[in-house]
Amino acid sequence: MTIFNHLFLRSFALFAFVIAFALPAQDAAAQTTAFRQAVAEGASQDEVLAEFYRGREFEGIWTGATGRDRSRRNALLAAFANAGDHGLPAAQYDPNALMARLQ
């Protein structure tokens, strides 16, 4: 995987995570449909990513309420917290800023 693809996947992950929590309150079915549409559109630029989400029926991987979903969210936030350790611009992966936007 190239650096570009890696950065794209991380950026897309952030986008999907933020979209899942930032959508205004609305009918649950409409919100789910909007989220899945956003995921499908974002994933359409990368065949591997699109295939992954098609296999999940475009359901998010960090947005659910199960223990597994919470573990994934925690892992994502931990990865953001350590972005600078991987040579990524830490300001673009600030877990505190993300959590503040979600509340």
C-alpha atoms as a PDB file:
ATOM      1  CA  MET A   1       0.000   0.000   0.000  1.00  0.00           C
ATOM      2  CA  THR A   2       1.419   3.393  -0.946  1.00  0.00           C
ATOM      3  CA  ILE A   3       1.703   6.314   1.459  1.00  0.00           C
ATOM      4  CA  PHE A   4      -1.049   8.061  -0.509  1.00  0.00           C
ATOM      5  CA  ASN A   5      -3.403   5.104  -0.091  1.00  0.00           C
ATOM      6  CA  HIS A   6      -2.532   4.851   3.592  1.00  0.00           C
ATOM      7  CA  LEU A   7      -3.248   8.557   4.143  1.00  0.00           C
ATOM      8  CA  PHE A   8      -6.415   8.309   2.060  1.00  0.00           C
ATOM      9  CA  LEU A   9      -7.676   5.395   4.146  1.00  0.00           C
ATOM     10  CA  ARG A  10      -6.924   7.239   7.388  1.00  0.00           C
ATOM     11  CA  SER A  11      -8.625  10.385   6.106  1.00  0.00           C
ATOM     12  CA  PHE A  12     -11.605   8.375   4.943  1.00  0.00           C
ATOM     13  CA  ALA A  13     -11.802   6.648   8.317  1.00  0.00           C
ATOM     14  CA  LEU A  14     -11.928  10.015  10.039  1.00  0.00           C
ATOM     15  CA  PHE A  15     -14.575  11.221   7.582  1.00  0.00           C
ATOM     16  CA  ALA A  16     -16.776   8.183   8.165  1.00  0.00           C
ATOM     17  CA  PHE A  17     -16.365   8.423  11.926  1.00  0.00           C
ATOM     18  CA  VAL A  18     -17.240  12.121  12.004  1.00  0.00           C
ATOM     19  CA  ILE A  19     -20.191  11.707   9.634  1.00  0.00           C
ATOM     20  CA  ALA A  20     -21.620   8.952  11.795  1.00  0.00           C
ATOM     21  CA  PHE A  21     -21.712  11.177  14.853  1.00  0.00           C
ATOM     22  CA  ALA A  22     -22.172  14.611  13.310  1.00  0.00           C
ATOM     23  CA  LEU A  23     -25.352  13.999  11.360  1.00  0.00           C
ATOM     24  CA  PRO A  24     -28.219  16.017  12.805  1.00  0.00           C
ATOM     25  CA  ALA A  25     -30.864  14.150  14.747  1.00  0.00           C
ATOM     26  CA  GLN A  26     -33.348  12.661  12.324  1.00  0.00           C
ATOM     27  CA  ASP A  27     -35.234   9.491  11.675  1.00  0.00           C
ATOM     28  CA  ALA A  28     -32.899   6.558  12.382  1.00  0.00           C
ATOM     29  CA  ALA A  29     -33.561   4.960   8.990  1.00  0.00           C
ATOM     30  CA  ALA A  30     -32.824   8.206   7.135  1.00  0.00           C
ATOM     31  CA  GLN A  31     -29.678   8.743   9.181  1.00  0.00           C
ATOM     32  CA  THR A  32     -28.484   5.204   8.464  1.00  0.00           C
ATOM     33  CA  THR A  33     -29.210   5.631   4.759  1.00  0.00           C
ATOM     34  CA  ALA A  34     -27.330   8.952   4.653  1.00  0.00           C
ATOM     35  CA  PHE A  35     -24.363   7.426   6.458  1.00  0.00           C
ATOM     36  CA  ARG A  36     -24.227   4.415   4.158  1.00  0.00           C
ATOM     37  CA  GLN A  37     -24.484   6.676   1.114  1.00  0.00           C
ATOM     38  CA  ALA A  38     -21.595   8.815   2.401  1.00  0.00           C
ATOM     39  CA  VAL A  39     -19.502   5.700   3.006  1.00  0.00           C
ATOM     40  CA  ALA A  40     -20.315   4.341  -0.454  1.00  0.00           C
ATOM     41  CA  GLU A  41     -19.381   7.624  -2.136  1.00  0.00           C
ATOM     42  CA  GLY A  42     -16.148   7.959  -0.178  1.00  0.00           C
ATOM     43  CA  ALA A  43     -15.148   4.355  -0.783  1.00  0.00           C
ATOM     44  CA  SER A  44     -15.847   4.533  -4.514  1.00  0.00           C
ATOM     45  CA  GLN A  45     -12.395   6.047  -5.118  1.00  0.00           C
ATOM     46  CA  ASP A  46     -10.607   2.952  -3.799  1.00  0.00           C
ATOM     47  CA  GLU A  47     -11.625  -0.517  -5.002  1.00  0.00           C
ATOM     48  CA  VAL A  48     -10.197  -2.340  -1.971  1.00  0.00           C
ATOM     49  CA  LEU A  49     -12.010  -0.018   0.405  1.00  0.00           C
ATOM     50  CA  ALA A  50     -15.213  -0.241  -1.641  1.00  0.00           C
ATOM     51  CA  GLU A  51     -15.032  -4.050  -1.588  1.00  0.00           C
ATOM     52  CA  PHE A  52     -14.530  -4.024   2.185  1.00  0.00           C
ATOM     53  CA  TYR A  53     -17.570  -1.826   2.797  1.00  0.00           C
ATOM     54  CA  ARG A  54     -19.718  -3.673   0.232  1.00  0.00           C
ATOM     55  CA  GLY A  55     -19.038  -6.830   2.244  1.00  0.00           C
ATOM     56  CA  ARG A  56     -20.345  -4.989   5.318  1.00  0.00           C
ATOM     57  CA  GLU A  57     -23.299  -3.512   3.395  1.00  0.00           C
ATOM     58  CA  PHE A  58     -21.668  -0.089   3.940  1.00  0.00           C
ATOM     59  CA  GLU A  59     -22.118  -0.292   7.688  1.00  0.00           C
ATOM     60  CA  GLY A  60     -19.603   1.702   9.716  1.00  0.00           C
ATOM     61  CA  ILE A  61     -16.944  -0.055  11.765  1.00  0.00           C
ATOM     62  CA  TRP A  62     -16.456   2.556  14.519  1.00  0.00           C
ATOM     63  CA  THR A  63     -20.007   3.716  15.082  1.00  0.00           C
ATOM     64  CA  GLY A  64     -21.907   0.827  16.604  1.00  0.00           C
ATOM     65  CA  ALA A  65     -22.846   0.239  20.220  1.00  0.00           C
ATOM     66  CA  THR A  66     -21.313  -3.195  20.768  1.00  0.00           C
ATOM     67  CA  GLY A  67     -18.191  -3.849  22.792  1.00  0.00           C
ATOM     68  CA  ARG A  68     -16.361  -4.692  19.580  1.00  0.00           C
ATOM     69  CA  ASP A  69     -17.372  -1.334  18.082  1.00  0.00           C
ATOM     70  CA  ARG A  70     -16.153   0.495  21.190  1.00  0.00           C
ATOM     71  CA  SER A  71     -12.857  -1.384  20.984  1.00  0.00           C
ATOM     72  CA  ARG A  72     -12.462  -0.305  17.365  1.00  0.00           C
ATOM     73  CA  ARG A  73     -13.240   3.324  18.277  1.00  0.00           C
ATOM     74  CA  ASN A  74     -10.694   3.220  21.081  1.00  0.00           C
ATOM     75  CA  ALA A  75      -8.092   1.745  18.729  1.00  0.00           C
ATOM     76  CA  LEU A  76      -8.809   4.477  16.169  1.00  0.00           C
ATOM     77  CA  LEU A  77      -8.488   7.216  18.774  1.00  0.00           C
ATOM     78  CA  ALA A  78      -5.267   5.653  20.063  1.00  0.00           C
ATOM     79  CA  ALA A  79      -3.883   5.581  16.517  1.00  0.00           C
ATOM     80  CA  PHE A  80      -4.771   9.261  16.126  1.00  0.00           C
ATOM     81  CA  ALA A  81      -3.067  10.039  19.429  1.00  0.00           C
ATOM     82  CA  ASN A  82       0.124   8.415  18.106  1.00  0.00           C
ATOM     83  CA  ALA A  83      -0.016   9.837  14.567  1.00  0.00           C
ATOM     84  CA  GLY A  84       3.127  11.902  15.117  1.00  0.00           C
ATOM     85  CA  ASP A  85       5.048   8.734  15.966  1.00  0.00           C
ATOM     86  CA  HIS A  86       4.369   7.570  12.411  1.00  0.00           C
ATOM     87  CA  GLY A  87       5.449  10.785  10.716  1.00  0.00           C
ATOM     88  CA  LEU A  88       1.900  12.003  10.166  1.00  0.00           C
ATOM     89  CA  PRO A  89       0.838  15.589  10.906  1.00  0.00           C
ATOM     90  CA  ALA A  90      -0.456  15.136  14.455  1.00  0.00           C
ATOM     91  CA  ALA A  91      -2.691  18.229  14.258  1.00  0.00           C
ATOM     92  CA  GLN A  92      -4.744  16.527  11.550  1.00  0.00           C
ATOM     93  CA  TYR A  93      -5.241  13.457  13.735  1.00  0.00           C
ATOM     94  CA  ASP A  94      -6.075  15.081  17.073  1.00  0.00           C
ATOM     95  CA  PRO A  95      -8.260  12.631  19.030  1.00  0.00           C
ATOM     96  CA  ASN A  96      -9.314  15.335  21.516  1.00  0.00           C
ATOM     97  CA  ALA A  97     -10.568  17.593  18.731  1.00  0.00           C
ATOM     98  CA  LEU A  98     -12.466  14.671  17.226  1.00  0.00           C
ATOM     99  CA  MET A  99     -14.084  13.792  20.542  1.00  0.00           C
ATOM    100  CA  ALA A 100     -14.996  17.462  21.126  1.00  0.00           C
ATOM    101  CA  ARG A 101     -16.780  17.556  17.766  1.00  0.00           C
ATOM    102  CA  LEU A 102     -18.680  14.401  18.618  1.00  0.00           C
ATOM    103  CA  GLN A 103     -20.076  15.672  21.902  1.00  0.00           C
END
